[in-house]
Amino acid sequence: MIRYLNVKSKMRNEFVDITEKVHEIIREEGIKSGLCYIYTPHTTAAITINEGADPSVHHDIQRALERLIPFESDYQHKEGNSDAHIKSTLVGVSTTALIEDGRLLLGTWQAVYFCEFDGPRHRRVAVKIIRD
C-alpha cells in the first residue's frame, strides 16, 4: 500500500512537519506494528527526521546548509537551482521509521520533515507501510 501526501511549501527553503499526516495514514490503515517508508520523488527536496520541539533547530540546519551550499556559486546547471539539487542529495529523499503501538517510533523530540530547497511549490510525499 502506498499513500500520498500533498505538501505546499511557502518559501524557497523550508522544513514542513509532516509527522501528524503520517500518523493519520497509520491510523486510517489500522497499522499497529511495522515499517513506514517515507519518500519524496523530487530532485530538489528531501525527507529527514530531526528535532520537532524547537523550530530553531531546523532553522539552524537550513542556515548551515546555506553556508555549505550557497544559492549562487560556479554551478554548471542552467536552471539556477543547483544548490537545491545538492542539498537534496546530502539530506536524502527518504527515511524509514518503525511503527509500534500504532505510531511512528520516534524519540521524544523527533518529528518527520519534508525539506523544501526550491520552493515555493506543490509537492508529493509517498508513504509506504509494511505490516509486521
C-alpha atoms as a PDB file:
ATOM      1  CA  MET A   1       0.000   0.000   0.000  1.00  0.00           C
ATOM      2  CA  ILE A   2       1.283   3.451  -0.948  1.00  0.00           C
ATOM      3  CA  ARG A   3      -0.444   6.628   0.137  1.00  0.00           C
ATOM      4  CA  TYR A   4       0.476  10.137  -0.942  1.00  0.00           C
ATOM      5  CA  LEU A   5       0.649  13.373   0.999  1.00  0.00           C
ATOM      6  CA  ASN A   6       0.394  16.739  -0.711  1.00  0.00           C
ATOM      7  CA  VAL A   7       2.758  19.354   0.679  1.00  0.00           C
ATOM      8  CA  LYS A   8       2.685  23.031  -0.217  1.00  0.00           C
ATOM      9  CA  SER A   9       5.802  24.972   0.688  1.00  0.00           C
ATOM     10  CA  LYS A  10       5.700  28.730   1.159  1.00  0.00           C
ATOM     11  CA  MET A  11       9.410  29.591   0.968  1.00  0.00           C
ATOM     12  CA  ARG A  12      12.427  28.615  -1.100  1.00  0.00           C
ATOM     13  CA  ASN A  13      13.992  26.772   1.843  1.00  0.00           C
ATOM     14  CA  GLU A  14      11.586  25.351   4.400  1.00  0.00           C
ATOM     15  CA  PHE A  15      11.106  22.374   6.697  1.00  0.00           C
ATOM     16  CA  VAL A  16       7.464  21.258   6.786  1.00  0.00           C
ATOM     17  CA  ASP A  17       6.485  18.991   9.692  1.00  0.00           C
ATOM     18  CA  ILE A  18       4.539  16.040   8.219  1.00  0.00           C
ATOM     19  CA  THR A  19       4.566  13.852  11.330  1.00  0.00           C
ATOM     20  CA  GLU A  20       0.842  14.099  12.071  1.00  0.00           C
ATOM     21  CA  LYS A  21      -0.075  13.478   8.430  1.00  0.00           C
ATOM     22  CA  VAL A  22       1.970  10.262   8.511  1.00  0.00           C
ATOM     23  CA  HIS A  23       0.352   9.264  11.828  1.00  0.00           C
ATOM     24  CA  GLU A  24      -3.050   9.854  10.238  1.00  0.00           C
ATOM     25  CA  ILE A  25      -2.216   7.375   7.448  1.00  0.00           C
ATOM     26  CA  ILE A  26      -1.083   4.811  10.024  1.00  0.00           C
ATOM     27  CA  ARG A  27      -4.350   5.276  11.976  1.00  0.00           C
ATOM     28  CA  GLU A  28      -6.525   5.082   8.850  1.00  0.00           C
ATOM     29  CA  GLU A  29      -4.840   1.857   7.777  1.00  0.00           C
ATOM     30  CA  GLY A  30      -5.136   0.358  11.262  1.00  0.00           C
ATOM     31  CA  ILE A  31      -1.425  -0.488  11.417  1.00  0.00           C
ATOM     32  CA  LYS A  32      -0.201  -1.485  14.886  1.00  0.00           C
ATOM     33  CA  SER A  33       3.341  -2.641  14.053  1.00  0.00           C
ATOM     34  CA  GLY A  34       5.593  -2.487  11.022  1.00  0.00           C
ATOM     35  CA  LEU A  35       7.786  -0.192   8.963  1.00  0.00           C
ATOM     36  CA  CYS A  36       6.980   3.182   7.450  1.00  0.00           C
ATOM     37  CA  TYR A  37       8.968   4.244   4.392  1.00  0.00           C
ATOM     38  CA  ILE A  38       8.647   7.949   3.546  1.00  0.00           C
ATOM     39  CA  TYR A  39       9.910   9.134   0.161  1.00  0.00           C
ATOM     40  CA  THR A  40       9.695  12.253  -1.986  1.00  0.00           C
ATOM     41  CA  PRO A  41      10.058  11.886  -5.780  1.00  0.00           C
ATOM     42  CA  HIS A  42      11.580  15.358  -6.238  1.00  0.00           C
ATOM     43  CA  THR A  43      15.207  16.174  -7.017  1.00  0.00           C
ATOM     44  CA  THR A  44      15.208  19.448  -5.084  1.00  0.00           C
ATOM     45  CA  ALA A  45      13.514  18.258  -1.884  1.00  0.00           C
ATOM     46  CA  ALA A  46      14.289  15.811   0.913  1.00  0.00           C
ATOM     47  CA  ILE A  47      12.915  13.944   3.923  1.00  0.00           C
ATOM     48  CA  THR A  48      14.505  13.892   7.367  1.00  0.00           C
ATOM     49  CA  ILE A  49      13.759  13.069  10.994  1.00  0.00           C
ATOM     50  CA  ASN A  50      15.056  15.602  13.483  1.00  0.00           C
ATOM     51  CA  GLU A  51      14.157  17.908  16.381  1.00  0.00           C
ATOM     52  CA  GLY A  52      10.448  18.648  16.491  1.00  0.00           C
ATOM     53  CA  ALA A  53      10.049  20.669  19.684  1.00  0.00           C
ATOM     54  CA  ASP A  54      12.284  23.657  18.958  1.00  0.00           C
ATOM     55  CA  PRO A  55      11.910  25.281  15.491  1.00  0.00           C
ATOM     56  CA  SER A  56      15.294  26.955  15.860  1.00  0.00           C
ATOM     57  CA  VAL A  57      16.936  23.569  15.200  1.00  0.00           C
ATOM     58  CA  HIS A  58      15.630  23.189  11.659  1.00  0.00           C
ATOM     59  CA  HIS A  59      16.337  26.896  11.135  1.00  0.00           C
ATOM     60  CA  ASP A  60      19.949  26.211  12.167  1.00  0.00           C
ATOM     61  CA  ILE A  61      20.121  23.212   9.822  1.00  0.00           C
ATOM     62  CA  GLN A  62      18.872  25.359   6.935  1.00  0.00           C
ATOM     63  CA  ARG A  63      21.418  28.084   7.718  1.00  0.00           C
ATOM     64  CA  ALA A  64      24.254  25.555   7.900  1.00  0.00           C
ATOM     65  CA  LEU A  65      23.216  24.070   4.545  1.00  0.00           C
ATOM     66  CA  GLU A  66      23.127  27.587   3.064  1.00  0.00           C
ATOM     67  CA  ARG A  67      26.675  28.245   4.292  1.00  0.00           C
ATOM     68  CA  LEU A  68      27.916  24.920   2.915  1.00  0.00           C
ATOM     69  CA  ILE A  69      25.972  25.086  -0.351  1.00  0.00           C
ATOM     70  CA  PRO A  70      25.232  28.701  -1.292  1.00  0.00           C
ATOM     71  CA  PHE A  71      22.474  29.643  -3.729  1.00  0.00           C
ATOM     72  CA  GLU A  72      24.986  31.238  -6.086  1.00  0.00           C
ATOM     73  CA  SER A  73      28.290  29.600  -6.957  1.00  0.00           C
ATOM     74  CA  ASP A  74      30.141  28.350 -10.002  1.00  0.00           C
ATOM     75  CA  TYR A  75      27.412  25.841 -10.882  1.00  0.00           C
ATOM     76  CA  GLN A  76      27.014  24.461 -14.413  1.00  0.00           C
ATOM     77  CA  HIS A  77      23.277  23.659 -14.204  1.00  0.00           C
ATOM     78  CA  LYS A  78      21.396  26.379 -16.096  1.00  0.00           C
ATOM     79  CA  GLU A  79      18.081  26.283 -14.175  1.00  0.00           C
ATOM     80  CA  GLY A  80      19.592  28.190 -11.263  1.00  0.00           C
ATOM     81  CA  ASN A  81      18.736  25.618  -8.604  1.00  0.00           C
ATOM     82  CA  SER A  82      21.906  23.537  -8.337  1.00  0.00           C
ATOM     83  CA  ASP A  83      22.139  24.302  -4.634  1.00  0.00           C
ATOM     84  CA  ALA A  84      18.729  22.665  -4.141  1.00  0.00           C
ATOM     85  CA  HIS A  85      19.825  19.514  -6.003  1.00  0.00           C
ATOM     86  CA  ILE A  86      22.954  19.248  -3.865  1.00  0.00           C
ATOM     87  CA  LYS A  87      21.030  19.773  -0.600  1.00  0.00           C
ATOM     88  CA  SER A  88      18.530  17.101  -1.625  1.00  0.00           C
ATOM     89  CA  THR A  89      21.377  14.672  -2.291  1.00  0.00           C
ATOM     90  CA  LEU A  90      23.036  15.374   1.069  1.00  0.00           C
ATOM     91  CA  VAL A  91      19.879  15.183   3.195  1.00  0.00           C
ATOM     92  CA  GLY A  92      18.322  12.328   1.200  1.00  0.00           C
ATOM     93  CA  VAL A  93      14.934  11.796  -0.401  1.00  0.00           C
ATOM     94  CA  SER A  94      13.693   9.131   2.010  1.00  0.00           C
ATOM     95  CA  THR A  95      13.674   7.789   5.527  1.00  0.00           C
ATOM     96  CA  THR A  96      12.350   4.700   7.260  1.00  0.00           C
ATOM     97  CA  ALA A  97      10.792   4.614  10.716  1.00  0.00           C
ATOM     98  CA  LEU A  98       9.469   1.799  12.876  1.00  0.00           C
ATOM     99  CA  ILE A  99       5.779   1.625  13.758  1.00  0.00           C
ATOM    100  CA  GLU A 100       4.888   0.362  17.216  1.00  0.00           C
ATOM    101  CA  ASP A 101       1.547   0.590  19.035  1.00  0.00           C
ATOM    102  CA  GLY A 102       0.030   2.307  16.001  1.00  0.00           C
ATOM    103  CA  ARG A 103       2.503   5.211  15.894  1.00  0.00           C
ATOM    104  CA  LEU A 104       5.908   6.032  14.488  1.00  0.00           C
ATOM    105  CA  LEU A 105       8.563   5.026  16.979  1.00  0.00           C
ATOM    106  CA  LEU A 106      10.138   8.475  17.281  1.00  0.00           C
ATOM    107  CA  GLY A 107      12.231   9.891  20.068  1.00  0.00           C
ATOM    108  CA  THR A 108      10.620  12.330  22.489  1.00  0.00           C
ATOM    109  CA  TRP A 109      11.724  15.373  20.493  1.00  0.00           C
ATOM    110  CA  GLN A 110      11.716  13.932  16.965  1.00  0.00           C
ATOM    111  CA  ALA A 111       9.475  14.855  14.029  1.00  0.00           C
ATOM    112  CA  VAL A 112       9.368  13.935  10.328  1.00  0.00           C
ATOM    113  CA  TYR A 113      10.111  16.806   7.966  1.00  0.00           C
ATOM    114  CA  PHE A 114       9.621  17.403   4.275  1.00  0.00           C
ATOM    115  CA  CYS A 115      12.570  19.619   3.332  1.00  0.00           C
ATOM    116  CA  GLU A 116      11.942  22.128   0.557  1.00  0.00           C
ATOM    117  CA  PHE A 117      15.025  23.543  -1.144  1.00  0.00           C
ATOM    118  CA  ASP A 118      13.497  25.069  -4.294  1.00  0.00           C
ATOM    119  CA  GLY A 119      10.124  26.477  -3.342  1.00  0.00           C
ATOM    120  CA  PRO A 120       7.553  27.607  -3.038  1.00  0.00           C
ATOM    121  CA  ARG A 121       5.983  24.583  -4.729  1.00  0.00           C
ATOM    122  CA  HIS A 122       3.312  21.921  -4.522  1.00  0.00           C
ATOM    123  CA  ARG A 123       4.985  18.581  -3.779  1.00  0.00           C
ATOM    124  CA  ARG A 124       4.130  14.956  -3.099  1.00  0.00           C
ATOM    125  CA  VAL A 125       5.390  12.556  -0.472  1.00  0.00           C
ATOM    126  CA  ALA A 126       4.876   8.803  -0.793  1.00  0.00           C
ATOM    127  CA  VAL A 127       4.263   6.785   2.367  1.00  0.00           C
ATOM    128  CA  LYS A 128       4.582   3.000   2.165  1.00  0.00           C
ATOM    129  CA  ILE A 129       3.590   0.915   5.159  1.00  0.00           C
ATOM    130  CA  ILE A 130       4.919  -2.613   5.602  1.00  0.00           C
ATOM    131  CA  ARG A 131       2.985  -4.567   8.226  1.00  0.00           C
ATOM    132  CA  ASP A 132       4.626  -6.969  10.652  1.00  0.00           C
END
